[in-house]
N, C-alpha and C. Protein backbone atom coordinates (compact mmCIF):
# COMPACT_ATOMS: atom_id res chain seq x y z
N MET A 1 3.92 -7.31 -19.63
CA MET A 1 4.57 -7.04 -20.90
C MET A 1 6.00 -6.56 -20.67
N LEU A 2 6.95 -7.14 -21.38
CA LEU A 2 8.33 -6.71 -21.24
C LEU A 2 8.52 -5.34 -21.88
N LYS A 3 9.43 -4.59 -21.32
CA LYS A 3 9.68 -3.24 -21.82
C LYS A 3 11.15 -3.08 -22.15
N PHE A 4 11.44 -2.62 -23.37
CA PHE A 4 12.83 -2.41 -23.76
C PHE A 4 13.30 -1.06 -23.25
N ASN A 5 14.47 -1.05 -22.63
CA ASN A 5 15.06 0.22 -22.21
C ASN A 5 15.74 0.88 -23.39
N VAL A 6 15.63 2.20 -23.49
CA VAL A 6 16.32 2.95 -24.52
C VAL A 6 17.44 3.74 -23.88
N LEU A 7 18.44 4.08 -24.68
CA LEU A 7 19.57 4.84 -24.17
C LEU A 7 19.18 6.29 -23.97
N THR A 8 19.45 6.81 -22.77
CA THR A 8 19.26 8.23 -22.48
C THR A 8 20.48 8.70 -21.72
N LEU A 9 20.67 9.99 -21.61
CA LEU A 9 21.90 10.51 -21.04
C LEU A 9 21.83 10.70 -19.54
N ARG A 10 22.92 10.29 -18.86
CA ARG A 10 23.12 10.54 -17.44
C ARG A 10 21.98 10.05 -16.56
N SER A 11 21.53 8.85 -16.77
CA SER A 11 20.56 8.26 -15.85
C SER A 11 21.28 7.29 -14.94
N ARG A 12 20.61 6.89 -13.89
CA ARG A 12 21.15 5.85 -13.02
C ARG A 12 20.95 4.50 -13.68
N ASN A 13 21.53 3.44 -13.10
CA ASN A 13 21.30 2.10 -13.63
C ASN A 13 19.81 1.80 -13.60
N ARG A 14 19.32 1.16 -14.66
CA ARG A 14 17.92 0.77 -14.73
C ARG A 14 17.82 -0.73 -14.90
N ARG A 15 16.57 -1.21 -14.85
CA ARG A 15 16.36 -2.64 -15.08
C ARG A 15 16.04 -2.85 -16.54
N ASP A 16 16.59 -3.96 -17.09
CA ASP A 16 16.29 -4.25 -18.48
C ASP A 16 15.00 -5.02 -18.58
N CYS A 17 14.69 -5.49 -19.80
CA CYS A 17 13.41 -6.14 -20.02
C CYS A 17 13.26 -7.45 -19.27
N SER A 18 14.35 -7.99 -18.73
CA SER A 18 14.26 -9.21 -17.93
C SER A 18 14.25 -8.91 -16.44
N GLY A 19 14.42 -7.64 -16.07
CA GLY A 19 14.40 -7.28 -14.66
C GLY A 19 15.75 -7.04 -14.06
N ALA A 20 16.84 -7.36 -14.79
CA ALA A 20 18.19 -7.16 -14.26
C ALA A 20 18.62 -5.72 -14.45
N ARG A 21 19.52 -5.25 -13.57
CA ARG A 21 20.00 -3.88 -13.71
C ARG A 21 21.07 -3.79 -14.79
N ILE A 22 20.97 -2.76 -15.62
CA ILE A 22 21.97 -2.53 -16.65
C ILE A 22 22.28 -1.04 -16.69
N PRO A 23 23.50 -0.67 -17.12
CA PRO A 23 23.81 0.75 -17.22
C PRO A 23 23.24 1.32 -18.50
N VAL A 24 22.46 2.40 -18.39
CA VAL A 24 21.99 3.11 -19.56
C VAL A 24 22.28 4.59 -19.36
N LEU A 25 22.07 5.37 -20.42
CA LEU A 25 22.42 6.77 -20.41
C LEU A 25 21.17 7.63 -20.36
N GLY A 26 21.24 8.85 -20.02
CA GLY A 26 20.03 9.61 -19.75
C GLY A 26 19.82 10.96 -20.43
N SER A 27 19.05 11.81 -20.62
CA SER A 27 18.37 13.08 -20.86
C SER A 27 17.90 13.24 -22.28
N ALA A 28 16.68 13.58 -22.39
CA ALA A 28 15.97 13.53 -23.65
C ALA A 28 16.55 14.41 -24.73
N VAL A 29 17.10 15.54 -24.37
CA VAL A 29 17.38 16.58 -25.36
C VAL A 29 18.37 16.14 -26.42
N TYR A 30 19.34 15.30 -26.05
CA TYR A 30 20.45 15.06 -26.96
C TYR A 30 20.31 13.83 -27.83
N ILE A 31 19.23 13.10 -27.71
CA ILE A 31 19.18 11.79 -28.33
C ILE A 31 19.07 11.85 -29.84
N PHE A 32 18.84 13.05 -30.38
CA PHE A 32 18.78 13.13 -31.84
C PHE A 32 20.07 12.60 -32.45
N LEU A 33 21.17 12.64 -31.70
CA LEU A 33 22.43 12.12 -32.21
C LEU A 33 22.40 10.61 -32.33
N LEU A 34 21.42 9.98 -31.71
CA LEU A 34 21.28 8.53 -31.80
C LEU A 34 20.36 8.17 -32.95
N ALA A 35 20.06 9.14 -33.73
CA ALA A 35 19.09 8.87 -34.75
C ALA A 35 19.49 7.61 -35.48
N SER A 36 20.81 6.96 -34.80
CA SER A 36 21.22 5.56 -35.00
C SER A 36 20.08 4.70 -34.85
N ILE A 37 19.21 5.29 -34.51
CA ILE A 37 18.38 4.27 -34.07
C ILE A 37 16.98 4.44 -34.49
N LEU A 38 16.70 4.98 -35.70
CA LEU A 38 15.30 5.32 -35.90
C LEU A 38 14.56 4.44 -36.90
N PHE A 39 15.11 4.22 -38.07
CA PHE A 39 14.27 3.67 -39.13
C PHE A 39 14.98 2.60 -39.96
N ILE A 40 14.25 1.95 -40.84
CA ILE A 40 14.81 0.88 -41.67
C ILE A 40 15.84 1.43 -42.65
N LEU A 41 16.88 0.67 -42.90
CA LEU A 41 17.96 1.09 -43.78
C LEU A 41 17.44 1.49 -45.16
N CYS A 42 17.94 2.65 -45.62
CA CYS A 42 17.62 3.12 -46.96
C CYS A 42 18.92 3.54 -47.63
N ALA A 43 19.33 2.84 -48.65
CA ALA A 43 20.63 3.12 -49.26
C ALA A 43 20.60 4.47 -49.95
N GLY A 44 21.65 5.26 -49.71
CA GLY A 44 21.76 6.56 -50.36
C GLY A 44 22.80 6.50 -51.45
N PRO A 45 22.96 7.57 -52.21
CA PRO A 45 23.95 7.59 -53.29
C PRO A 45 25.36 7.60 -52.74
N ALA A 46 26.30 7.12 -53.53
CA ALA A 46 27.70 7.15 -53.12
C ALA A 46 28.13 8.61 -52.97
N GLU A 47 29.05 8.87 -52.02
CA GLU A 47 29.46 10.24 -51.78
C GLU A 47 30.91 10.26 -51.36
N ALA A 48 31.57 11.37 -51.65
CA ALA A 48 32.96 11.53 -51.27
C ALA A 48 33.04 12.05 -49.85
N GLY A 49 34.26 12.00 -49.27
CA GLY A 49 34.46 12.56 -47.95
C GLY A 49 34.82 11.50 -46.94
N ASP A 50 35.56 11.92 -45.89
CA ASP A 50 35.95 10.98 -44.86
C ASP A 50 34.80 10.79 -43.87
N PRO A 51 34.94 9.85 -42.93
CA PRO A 51 33.83 9.56 -42.01
C PRO A 51 33.35 10.78 -41.23
N LEU A 52 34.29 11.57 -40.73
CA LEU A 52 33.89 12.74 -39.95
C LEU A 52 33.07 13.71 -40.79
N GLU A 53 33.49 13.94 -42.02
CA GLU A 53 32.76 14.85 -42.90
C GLU A 53 31.34 14.34 -43.17
N GLN A 54 31.23 13.02 -43.36
CA GLN A 54 29.92 12.45 -43.67
C GLN A 54 28.99 12.49 -42.45
N ILE A 55 29.52 12.21 -41.26
CA ILE A 55 28.72 12.32 -40.04
C ILE A 55 28.27 13.76 -39.84
N LYS A 56 29.20 14.69 -39.98
CA LYS A 56 28.86 16.10 -39.79
C LYS A 56 27.80 16.55 -40.79
N GLY A 57 27.92 16.07 -42.04
CA GLY A 57 26.93 16.42 -43.04
C GLY A 57 25.53 15.96 -42.66
N THR A 58 25.43 14.74 -42.12
CA THR A 58 24.12 14.21 -41.72
C THR A 58 23.58 14.98 -40.52
N VAL A 59 24.42 15.21 -39.52
CA VAL A 59 23.97 15.95 -38.33
C VAL A 59 23.54 17.36 -38.71
N ASP A 60 24.29 18.01 -39.59
CA ASP A 60 23.94 19.36 -40.02
C ASP A 60 22.57 19.40 -40.70
N LYS A 61 22.29 18.38 -41.51
CA LYS A 61 20.99 18.32 -42.19
C LYS A 61 19.86 18.13 -41.18
N VAL A 62 20.10 17.28 -40.17
CA VAL A 62 19.10 17.07 -39.12
C VAL A 62 18.84 18.38 -38.37
N LEU A 63 19.91 19.08 -38.02
CA LEU A 63 19.78 20.34 -37.30
C LEU A 63 19.03 21.38 -38.14
N GLU A 64 19.29 21.40 -39.43
CA GLU A 64 18.60 22.34 -40.31
C GLU A 64 17.10 22.11 -40.29
N ILE A 65 16.71 20.85 -40.30
CA ILE A 65 15.28 20.51 -40.24
C ILE A 65 14.70 20.92 -38.90
N LEU A 66 15.40 20.62 -37.81
CA LEU A 66 14.90 20.93 -36.48
C LEU A 66 14.79 22.43 -36.24
N ARG A 67 15.64 23.21 -36.89
CA ARG A 67 15.64 24.67 -36.70
C ARG A 67 14.69 25.40 -37.65
N ASP A 68 14.15 24.69 -38.63
CA ASP A 68 13.28 25.31 -39.63
C ASP A 68 11.93 25.66 -38.99
N LYS A 69 11.69 26.95 -38.82
CA LYS A 69 10.47 27.40 -38.15
C LYS A 69 9.21 27.02 -38.92
N SER A 70 9.32 26.95 -40.24
CA SER A 70 8.15 26.60 -41.04
C SER A 70 7.69 25.17 -40.78
N LEU A 71 8.63 24.32 -40.33
CA LEU A 71 8.29 22.92 -40.06
C LEU A 71 7.78 22.72 -38.64
N LYS A 72 7.74 23.80 -37.85
CA LYS A 72 7.22 23.72 -36.49
C LYS A 72 5.77 24.19 -36.40
N LYS A 73 5.23 24.61 -37.53
CA LYS A 73 3.85 25.10 -37.55
C LYS A 73 2.87 23.95 -37.38
N PRO A 74 1.66 24.24 -36.89
CA PRO A 74 0.62 23.19 -36.75
C PRO A 74 0.39 22.47 -38.07
N GLY A 75 0.25 21.17 -37.99
CA GLY A 75 -0.02 20.37 -39.17
C GLY A 75 1.22 19.93 -39.94
N MET A 76 2.40 20.35 -39.49
CA MET A 76 3.63 20.02 -40.20
C MET A 76 4.40 18.87 -39.55
N GLU A 77 3.88 18.30 -38.49
CA GLU A 77 4.62 17.28 -37.74
C GLU A 77 5.01 16.09 -38.59
N GLU A 78 4.06 15.52 -39.33
CA GLU A 78 4.36 14.33 -40.13
C GLU A 78 5.35 14.63 -41.24
N PHE A 79 5.22 15.79 -41.87
CA PHE A 79 6.15 16.17 -42.94
C PHE A 79 7.55 16.37 -42.37
N ARG A 80 7.64 17.00 -41.19
CA ARG A 80 8.94 17.21 -40.54
C ARG A 80 9.59 15.87 -40.21
N ARG A 81 8.82 14.96 -39.68
CA ARG A 81 9.37 13.65 -39.33
C ARG A 81 9.76 12.86 -40.57
N LYS A 82 9.03 13.04 -41.65
CA LYS A 82 9.39 12.38 -42.91
C LYS A 82 10.75 12.88 -43.38
N LYS A 83 11.00 14.17 -43.31
CA LYS A 83 12.28 14.74 -43.72
C LYS A 83 13.40 14.25 -42.81
N LEU A 84 13.12 14.12 -41.52
CA LEU A 84 14.12 13.58 -40.59
C LEU A 84 14.46 12.14 -40.95
N ARG A 85 13.42 11.35 -41.23
CA ARG A 85 13.64 9.94 -41.60
C ARG A 85 14.52 9.83 -42.84
N GLU A 86 14.19 10.61 -43.86
CA GLU A 86 14.92 10.52 -45.12
C GLU A 86 16.39 10.89 -44.93
N THR A 87 16.66 11.85 -44.05
CA THR A 87 18.04 12.28 -43.79
C THR A 87 18.81 11.22 -43.02
N ILE A 88 18.17 10.67 -42.02
CA ILE A 88 18.83 9.72 -41.12
C ILE A 88 19.02 8.35 -41.77
N GLU A 89 18.03 7.94 -42.53
CA GLU A 89 18.09 6.62 -43.16
C GLU A 89 19.31 6.46 -44.07
N ALA A 90 19.75 7.55 -44.65
CA ALA A 90 20.86 7.49 -45.60
C ALA A 90 22.22 7.27 -44.93
N ARG A 91 22.29 7.41 -43.63
CA ARG A 91 23.57 7.30 -42.94
C ARG A 91 23.70 6.05 -42.06
N PHE A 92 22.58 5.54 -41.53
CA PHE A 92 22.64 4.45 -40.57
C PHE A 92 22.26 3.11 -41.19
N ASN A 93 23.10 2.11 -40.97
CA ASN A 93 22.86 0.77 -41.50
C ASN A 93 22.13 -0.04 -40.44
N PHE A 94 20.80 -0.02 -40.50
CA PHE A 94 20.02 -0.65 -39.45
C PHE A 94 20.00 -2.17 -39.56
N GLU A 95 20.26 -2.69 -40.71
CA GLU A 95 20.41 -4.15 -40.81
C GLU A 95 21.65 -4.59 -40.03
N GLU A 96 22.72 -3.85 -40.18
CA GLU A 96 23.95 -4.17 -39.44
C GLU A 96 23.78 -3.94 -37.94
N ILE A 97 23.09 -2.87 -37.57
CA ILE A 97 22.80 -2.62 -36.15
C ILE A 97 21.99 -3.77 -35.58
N GLY A 98 20.96 -4.20 -36.33
CA GLY A 98 20.12 -5.31 -35.86
C GLY A 98 20.90 -6.60 -35.76
N ARG A 99 21.77 -6.88 -36.74
CA ARG A 99 22.58 -8.10 -36.72
C ARG A 99 23.46 -8.14 -35.49
N ARG A 100 24.10 -7.04 -35.17
CA ARG A 100 24.99 -6.99 -34.02
C ARG A 100 24.20 -7.04 -32.71
N ALA A 101 23.03 -6.41 -32.68
CA ALA A 101 22.22 -6.41 -31.46
C ALA A 101 21.66 -7.80 -31.16
N LEU A 102 21.30 -8.54 -32.21
CA LEU A 102 20.75 -9.88 -32.00
C LEU A 102 21.86 -10.89 -31.73
N GLY A 103 23.09 -10.56 -32.12
CA GLY A 103 24.23 -11.41 -31.80
C GLY A 103 24.17 -12.77 -32.46
N LEU A 104 24.53 -13.80 -31.71
CA LEU A 104 24.60 -15.16 -32.26
C LEU A 104 23.25 -15.66 -32.74
N TYR A 105 22.17 -15.09 -32.22
CA TYR A 105 20.84 -15.53 -32.63
C TYR A 105 20.52 -15.10 -34.06
N TRP A 106 21.23 -14.11 -34.58
CA TRP A 106 21.03 -13.66 -35.96
C TRP A 106 21.35 -14.77 -36.95
N ARG A 107 22.38 -15.55 -36.66
CA ARG A 107 22.82 -16.61 -37.58
C ARG A 107 21.75 -17.66 -37.81
N LYS A 108 20.90 -17.85 -36.82
CA LYS A 108 19.87 -18.89 -36.91
C LYS A 108 18.61 -18.41 -37.64
N ARG A 109 18.56 -17.16 -37.99
CA ARG A 109 17.37 -16.59 -38.61
C ARG A 109 17.41 -16.72 -40.12
N THR A 110 16.27 -16.92 -40.75
CA THR A 110 16.16 -16.97 -42.19
C THR A 110 16.22 -15.54 -42.74
N PRO A 111 16.45 -15.38 -44.05
CA PRO A 111 16.44 -14.03 -44.63
C PRO A 111 15.16 -13.25 -44.33
N ASP A 112 14.02 -13.93 -44.40
CA ASP A 112 12.75 -13.24 -44.10
C ASP A 112 12.67 -12.84 -42.63
N GLU A 113 13.15 -13.70 -41.75
CA GLU A 113 13.14 -13.37 -40.32
C GLU A 113 14.06 -12.19 -40.02
N ARG A 114 15.19 -12.16 -40.69
CA ARG A 114 16.12 -11.03 -40.49
C ARG A 114 15.50 -9.73 -40.96
N LYS A 115 14.83 -9.78 -42.09
CA LYS A 115 14.18 -8.59 -42.62
C LYS A 115 13.09 -8.11 -41.67
N GLU A 116 12.31 -9.04 -41.15
CA GLU A 116 11.24 -8.70 -40.21
C GLU A 116 11.81 -8.12 -38.92
N PHE A 117 12.88 -8.74 -38.41
CA PHE A 117 13.50 -8.26 -37.17
C PHE A 117 14.03 -6.84 -37.36
N THR A 118 14.71 -6.57 -38.47
CA THR A 118 15.26 -5.24 -38.72
C THR A 118 14.15 -4.20 -38.77
N ALA A 119 13.05 -4.53 -39.42
CA ALA A 119 11.93 -3.59 -39.51
C ALA A 119 11.32 -3.32 -38.14
N LEU A 120 11.09 -4.37 -37.36
CA LEU A 120 10.51 -4.20 -36.03
C LEU A 120 11.43 -3.42 -35.10
N PHE A 121 12.71 -3.77 -35.13
CA PHE A 121 13.68 -3.11 -34.27
C PHE A 121 13.76 -1.62 -34.61
N SER A 122 13.77 -1.31 -35.90
CA SER A 122 13.82 0.07 -36.33
C SER A 122 12.59 0.86 -35.87
N ARG A 123 11.43 0.24 -35.97
CA ARG A 123 10.20 0.91 -35.55
C ARG A 123 10.19 1.15 -34.03
N ILE A 124 10.70 0.19 -33.27
CA ILE A 124 10.79 0.37 -31.82
C ILE A 124 11.67 1.56 -31.49
N LEU A 125 12.79 1.65 -32.17
CA LEU A 125 13.71 2.76 -31.93
C LEU A 125 13.10 4.09 -32.36
N GLU A 126 12.40 4.07 -33.46
CA GLU A 126 11.73 5.28 -33.93
C GLU A 126 10.74 5.79 -32.88
N LYS A 127 9.89 4.89 -32.39
CA LYS A 127 8.89 5.27 -31.40
C LYS A 127 9.55 5.79 -30.12
N ALA A 128 10.70 5.23 -29.78
CA ALA A 128 11.36 5.61 -28.54
C ALA A 128 12.03 6.98 -28.63
N TYR A 129 12.52 7.34 -29.82
CA TYR A 129 13.40 8.50 -29.90
C TYR A 129 12.88 9.70 -30.68
N ILE A 130 11.83 9.56 -31.47
CA ILE A 130 11.44 10.64 -32.36
C ILE A 130 11.14 11.93 -31.62
N LYS A 131 10.43 11.86 -30.51
CA LYS A 131 10.11 13.07 -29.77
C LYS A 131 11.34 13.66 -29.09
N LYS A 132 12.26 12.79 -28.71
CA LYS A 132 13.49 13.26 -28.08
C LYS A 132 14.36 14.00 -29.09
N ILE A 133 14.37 13.50 -30.32
CA ILE A 133 15.12 14.19 -31.36
C ILE A 133 14.56 15.59 -31.57
N GLU A 134 13.24 15.69 -31.59
CA GLU A 134 12.60 16.98 -31.83
C GLU A 134 12.72 17.93 -30.64
N ALA A 135 13.20 17.43 -29.50
CA ALA A 135 13.38 18.27 -28.32
C ALA A 135 14.72 18.99 -28.31
N TYR A 136 15.54 18.75 -29.33
CA TYR A 136 16.84 19.42 -29.40
C TYR A 136 16.68 20.94 -29.28
N SER A 137 17.55 21.59 -28.50
CA SER A 137 17.41 23.03 -28.24
C SER A 137 18.73 23.78 -28.43
N ASP A 138 19.42 23.50 -29.53
CA ASP A 138 20.58 24.28 -29.95
C ASP A 138 21.82 24.11 -29.09
N GLU A 139 22.02 22.93 -28.50
CA GLU A 139 23.28 22.68 -27.81
C GLU A 139 24.43 22.65 -28.82
N LYS A 140 25.63 22.94 -28.37
CA LYS A 140 26.79 22.98 -29.25
C LYS A 140 27.33 21.58 -29.49
N ILE A 141 27.71 21.27 -30.73
CA ILE A 141 28.28 19.97 -31.09
C ILE A 141 29.70 20.19 -31.58
N VAL A 142 30.65 19.46 -31.00
CA VAL A 142 32.06 19.58 -31.38
C VAL A 142 32.54 18.23 -31.90
N TYR A 143 33.23 18.24 -33.04
CA TYR A 143 33.80 17.03 -33.63
C TYR A 143 35.26 16.97 -33.23
N THR A 144 35.64 15.95 -32.46
CA THR A 144 36.96 15.95 -31.82
C THR A 144 37.99 15.03 -32.44
N ASP A 145 37.56 13.91 -33.06
CA ASP A 145 38.56 12.94 -33.50
C ASP A 145 37.95 11.99 -34.53
N GLU A 146 38.84 11.42 -35.34
CA GLU A 146 38.44 10.44 -36.35
C GLU A 146 39.55 9.41 -36.50
N LYS A 147 39.19 8.14 -36.52
CA LYS A 147 40.16 7.07 -36.73
C LYS A 147 39.61 6.11 -37.77
N ILE A 148 40.47 5.71 -38.72
CA ILE A 148 40.08 4.78 -39.78
C ILE A 148 41.02 3.59 -39.76
N ASP A 149 40.46 2.38 -39.83
CA ASP A 149 41.28 1.17 -39.78
C ASP A 149 40.62 0.06 -40.58
N ASP A 150 41.14 -0.19 -41.78
CA ASP A 150 40.75 -1.34 -42.59
C ASP A 150 39.23 -1.46 -42.78
N GLY A 151 38.62 -0.41 -43.29
CA GLY A 151 37.20 -0.46 -43.59
C GLY A 151 36.28 -0.09 -42.45
N TYR A 152 36.83 0.21 -41.29
CA TYR A 152 36.04 0.63 -40.15
C TYR A 152 36.55 1.99 -39.67
N ALA A 153 35.67 2.73 -39.01
CA ALA A 153 36.07 4.06 -38.54
C ALA A 153 35.34 4.41 -37.26
N THR A 154 35.93 5.33 -36.51
CA THR A 154 35.32 5.88 -35.31
C THR A 154 35.37 7.40 -35.42
N VAL A 155 34.24 8.04 -35.19
CA VAL A 155 34.18 9.49 -35.15
C VAL A 155 33.72 9.90 -33.76
N ARG A 156 34.54 10.68 -33.08
CA ARG A 156 34.21 11.12 -31.72
C ARG A 156 33.72 12.56 -31.74
N THR A 157 32.63 12.79 -31.04
CA THR A 157 32.07 14.13 -30.91
C THR A 157 31.73 14.36 -29.45
N LYS A 158 31.35 15.56 -29.15
CA LYS A 158 30.82 15.85 -27.81
C LYS A 158 29.80 16.96 -27.90
N ILE A 159 28.81 16.87 -27.03
CA ILE A 159 27.79 17.90 -26.91
C ILE A 159 28.15 18.77 -25.72
N ILE A 160 28.09 20.07 -25.90
CA ILE A 160 28.34 21.00 -24.80
C ILE A 160 27.03 21.68 -24.45
N THR A 161 26.57 21.46 -23.24
CA THR A 161 25.27 21.97 -22.83
C THR A 161 25.36 23.44 -22.44
N ALA A 162 24.22 24.02 -22.12
CA ALA A 162 24.16 25.43 -21.73
C ALA A 162 24.94 25.71 -20.45
N VAL A 163 25.14 24.67 -19.63
CA VAL A 163 25.91 24.84 -18.38
C VAL A 163 27.32 24.28 -18.53
N ASN A 164 27.76 24.12 -19.80
CA ASN A 164 29.12 23.68 -20.13
C ASN A 164 29.45 22.26 -19.69
N THR A 165 28.44 21.42 -19.58
CA THR A 165 28.66 20.00 -19.36
C THR A 165 28.99 19.35 -20.70
N GLU A 166 30.05 18.53 -20.74
CA GLU A 166 30.44 17.86 -21.97
C GLU A 166 29.98 16.41 -21.96
N ILE A 167 29.31 16.01 -23.02
CA ILE A 167 28.78 14.65 -23.15
C ILE A 167 29.38 14.01 -24.39
N PRO A 168 30.25 13.01 -24.22
CA PRO A 168 30.90 12.38 -25.38
C PRO A 168 29.97 11.45 -26.15
N ILE A 169 29.98 11.59 -27.46
CA ILE A 169 29.21 10.73 -28.36
C ILE A 169 30.17 10.15 -29.39
N GLU A 170 30.21 8.83 -29.51
CA GLU A 170 31.11 8.18 -30.46
C GLU A 170 30.31 7.40 -31.50
N TYR A 171 30.58 7.66 -32.77
CA TYR A 171 29.94 6.94 -33.87
C TYR A 171 30.91 5.88 -34.39
N ARG A 172 30.42 4.67 -34.58
CA ARG A 172 31.21 3.60 -35.17
C ARG A 172 30.64 3.29 -36.55
N LEU A 173 31.52 3.29 -37.55
CA LEU A 173 31.08 3.18 -38.93
C LEU A 173 31.82 2.09 -39.68
N LEU A 174 31.20 1.62 -40.76
CA LEU A 174 31.85 0.71 -41.68
C LEU A 174 31.73 1.26 -43.09
N SER A 175 32.72 0.92 -43.92
CA SER A 175 32.72 1.40 -45.29
C SER A 175 31.94 0.42 -46.16
N LYS A 176 31.02 0.96 -46.95
CA LYS A 176 30.20 0.12 -47.81
C LYS A 176 29.91 0.86 -49.11
N GLU A 177 30.43 0.31 -50.21
CA GLU A 177 30.17 0.84 -51.55
C GLU A 177 30.49 2.33 -51.64
N GLY A 178 31.64 2.71 -51.09
CA GLY A 178 32.11 4.08 -51.24
C GLY A 178 31.56 5.08 -50.26
N ARG A 179 30.80 4.61 -49.26
CA ARG A 179 30.26 5.54 -48.27
C ARG A 179 30.42 4.94 -46.87
N TRP A 180 30.31 5.79 -45.85
CA TRP A 180 30.45 5.34 -44.47
C TRP A 180 29.08 5.27 -43.81
N GLU A 181 28.79 4.10 -43.20
CA GLU A 181 27.49 3.88 -42.56
C GLU A 181 27.68 3.56 -41.08
N VAL A 182 26.84 4.15 -40.26
CA VAL A 182 26.91 3.95 -38.81
C VAL A 182 26.31 2.60 -38.44
N TYR A 183 27.04 1.84 -37.60
CA TYR A 183 26.51 0.57 -37.11
C TYR A 183 26.41 0.54 -35.58
N ASP A 184 26.88 1.58 -34.91
CA ASP A 184 26.74 1.66 -33.46
C ASP A 184 27.00 3.10 -33.02
N VAL A 185 26.40 3.48 -31.90
CA VAL A 185 26.65 4.78 -31.29
C VAL A 185 26.91 4.54 -29.81
N VAL A 186 27.94 5.19 -29.30
CA VAL A 186 28.34 5.02 -27.89
C VAL A 186 28.21 6.37 -27.19
N ILE A 187 27.42 6.43 -26.14
CA ILE A 187 27.24 7.67 -25.38
C ILE A 187 27.80 7.47 -23.98
N GLU A 188 28.76 8.31 -23.63
CA GLU A 188 29.40 8.23 -22.31
C GLU A 188 29.87 6.81 -22.00
N GLY A 189 30.41 6.14 -23.02
CA GLY A 189 30.99 4.83 -22.83
C GLY A 189 30.03 3.66 -22.93
N VAL A 190 28.75 3.91 -23.16
CA VAL A 190 27.75 2.84 -23.24
C VAL A 190 27.28 2.68 -24.69
N SER A 191 27.41 1.46 -25.21
CA SER A 191 27.09 1.16 -26.60
C SER A 191 25.60 0.86 -26.78
N LEU A 192 25.02 1.48 -27.80
CA LEU A 192 23.62 1.19 -28.16
C LEU A 192 23.44 -0.29 -28.48
N VAL A 193 24.34 -0.83 -29.32
CA VAL A 193 24.25 -2.23 -29.73
C VAL A 193 24.37 -3.16 -28.53
N ASN A 194 25.35 -2.93 -27.68
CA ASN A 194 25.54 -3.80 -26.52
C ASN A 194 24.35 -3.74 -25.57
N ASN A 195 23.77 -2.56 -25.42
CA ASN A 195 22.61 -2.40 -24.55
C ASN A 195 21.46 -3.29 -24.99
N TYR A 196 21.15 -3.25 -26.29
CA TYR A 196 20.05 -4.07 -26.79
C TYR A 196 20.42 -5.54 -26.90
N ARG A 197 21.68 -5.83 -27.21
CA ARG A 197 22.10 -7.23 -27.28
C ARG A 197 21.87 -7.92 -25.93
N MET A 198 22.20 -7.22 -24.85
CA MET A 198 22.01 -7.79 -23.53
C MET A 198 20.54 -8.06 -23.25
N GLN A 199 19.68 -7.13 -23.65
CA GLN A 199 18.25 -7.31 -23.42
C GLN A 199 17.68 -8.45 -24.25
N PHE A 200 18.05 -8.49 -25.54
CA PHE A 200 17.57 -9.58 -26.39
C PHE A 200 18.08 -10.94 -25.91
N SER A 201 19.33 -10.98 -25.48
CA SER A 201 19.92 -12.24 -25.03
C SER A 201 19.22 -12.76 -23.78
N ARG A 202 18.86 -11.87 -22.89
CA ARG A 202 18.17 -12.29 -21.66
C ARG A 202 16.82 -12.92 -21.98
N ILE A 203 16.14 -12.36 -22.97
CA ILE A 203 14.86 -12.94 -23.38
C ILE A 203 15.06 -14.30 -24.05
N LEU A 204 15.99 -14.35 -25.00
CA LEU A 204 16.17 -15.57 -25.80
C LEU A 204 16.87 -16.68 -25.04
N HIS A 205 17.46 -16.35 -23.91
CA HIS A 205 18.07 -17.39 -23.07
C HIS A 205 17.01 -18.33 -22.51
N SER A 206 15.80 -17.81 -22.33
CA SER A 206 14.75 -18.63 -21.71
C SER A 206 13.48 -18.73 -22.55
N LYS A 207 13.40 -17.94 -23.63
CA LYS A 207 12.19 -17.93 -24.44
C LYS A 207 12.56 -18.20 -25.91
N PRO A 208 11.62 -18.73 -26.70
CA PRO A 208 11.90 -18.95 -28.13
C PRO A 208 11.92 -17.63 -28.89
N TYR A 209 12.52 -17.65 -30.07
CA TYR A 209 12.61 -16.45 -30.88
C TYR A 209 11.23 -15.89 -31.20
N ALA A 210 10.25 -16.76 -31.42
CA ALA A 210 8.89 -16.31 -31.73
C ALA A 210 8.33 -15.43 -30.62
N TYR A 211 8.73 -15.71 -29.39
CA TYR A 211 8.26 -14.89 -28.27
C TYR A 211 8.83 -13.48 -28.36
N LEU A 212 10.10 -13.36 -28.70
CA LEU A 212 10.71 -12.04 -28.86
C LEU A 212 9.99 -11.25 -29.95
N VAL A 213 9.70 -11.90 -31.06
CA VAL A 213 9.00 -11.23 -32.16
C VAL A 213 7.62 -10.76 -31.69
N LYS A 214 6.96 -11.59 -30.92
CA LYS A 214 5.63 -11.23 -30.40
C LYS A 214 5.72 -9.98 -29.52
N VAL A 215 6.71 -9.94 -28.66
CA VAL A 215 6.91 -8.79 -27.78
C VAL A 215 7.20 -7.53 -28.60
N MET A 216 8.05 -7.67 -29.62
CA MET A 216 8.40 -6.53 -30.46
C MET A 216 7.20 -6.01 -31.24
N LYS A 217 6.40 -6.92 -31.77
CA LYS A 217 5.20 -6.51 -32.51
C LYS A 217 4.22 -5.77 -31.60
N ALA A 218 4.08 -6.24 -30.37
CA ALA A 218 3.19 -5.58 -29.42
C ALA A 218 3.70 -4.18 -29.08
N LYS A 219 5.02 -4.06 -28.98
CA LYS A 219 5.62 -2.76 -28.69
C LYS A 219 5.38 -1.79 -29.84
N VAL A 220 5.51 -2.26 -31.07
CA VAL A 220 5.30 -1.41 -32.23
C VAL A 220 3.84 -1.01 -32.35
N ALA A 221 2.93 -1.94 -32.07
CA ALA A 221 1.49 -1.67 -32.21
C ALA A 221 0.93 -0.77 -31.12
N LYS A 222 1.61 -0.73 -29.99
CA LYS A 222 1.10 0.06 -28.86
C LYS A 222 1.12 1.54 -29.18
N LYS A 223 0.00 2.21 -28.94
CA LYS A 223 -0.07 3.64 -29.19
C LYS A 223 0.57 4.40 -28.04
N ASP A 224 1.28 5.47 -28.38
CA ASP A 224 1.96 6.27 -27.37
C ASP A 224 0.96 7.07 -26.54
């Protein structure tokens, strides 16, 4: 069974789902910032504010949930994860993330196939990262820069660990109906979208699209 690599902080090069080595990032604690990558797109209400303000607002809400002691009690896991999903879904455009990750193969897909791919891809990311998000342990987050250019924006942040290691996180956003939505996250120079695009391309170079869907469905169905 093929295995999709997920982005983690400061890891060595790993092999992708085709067996080739690719650069990925490593350490579980910080991946909540990739919550780029968790669930199916859910449109939120229009809101004011520049890209940096909107990113900070979403991250602050996630941190509030993670720090809420009442949500750490036994039996609260599903409710806590539901609140995380609702917060994250409003900021990340997973259809756009999926379109960019599938690359040229997206154009050949029907509307129903695109919808199915987005749902499967989102579920794979959710399964890969949900526990890592919940492992956050109060590292410091600094917002360093914002650039806006013709409907697109970049927000740069960094995480400062307990030993003062700085880890750069870059959010790439697009403007849609008065709000800014994330379509990629870059950690230490490695793009989430590019990482998955390379893996999907390696599969589709030699296998039909139906095979990729089969692999993704098996990944989603597999119990952790």
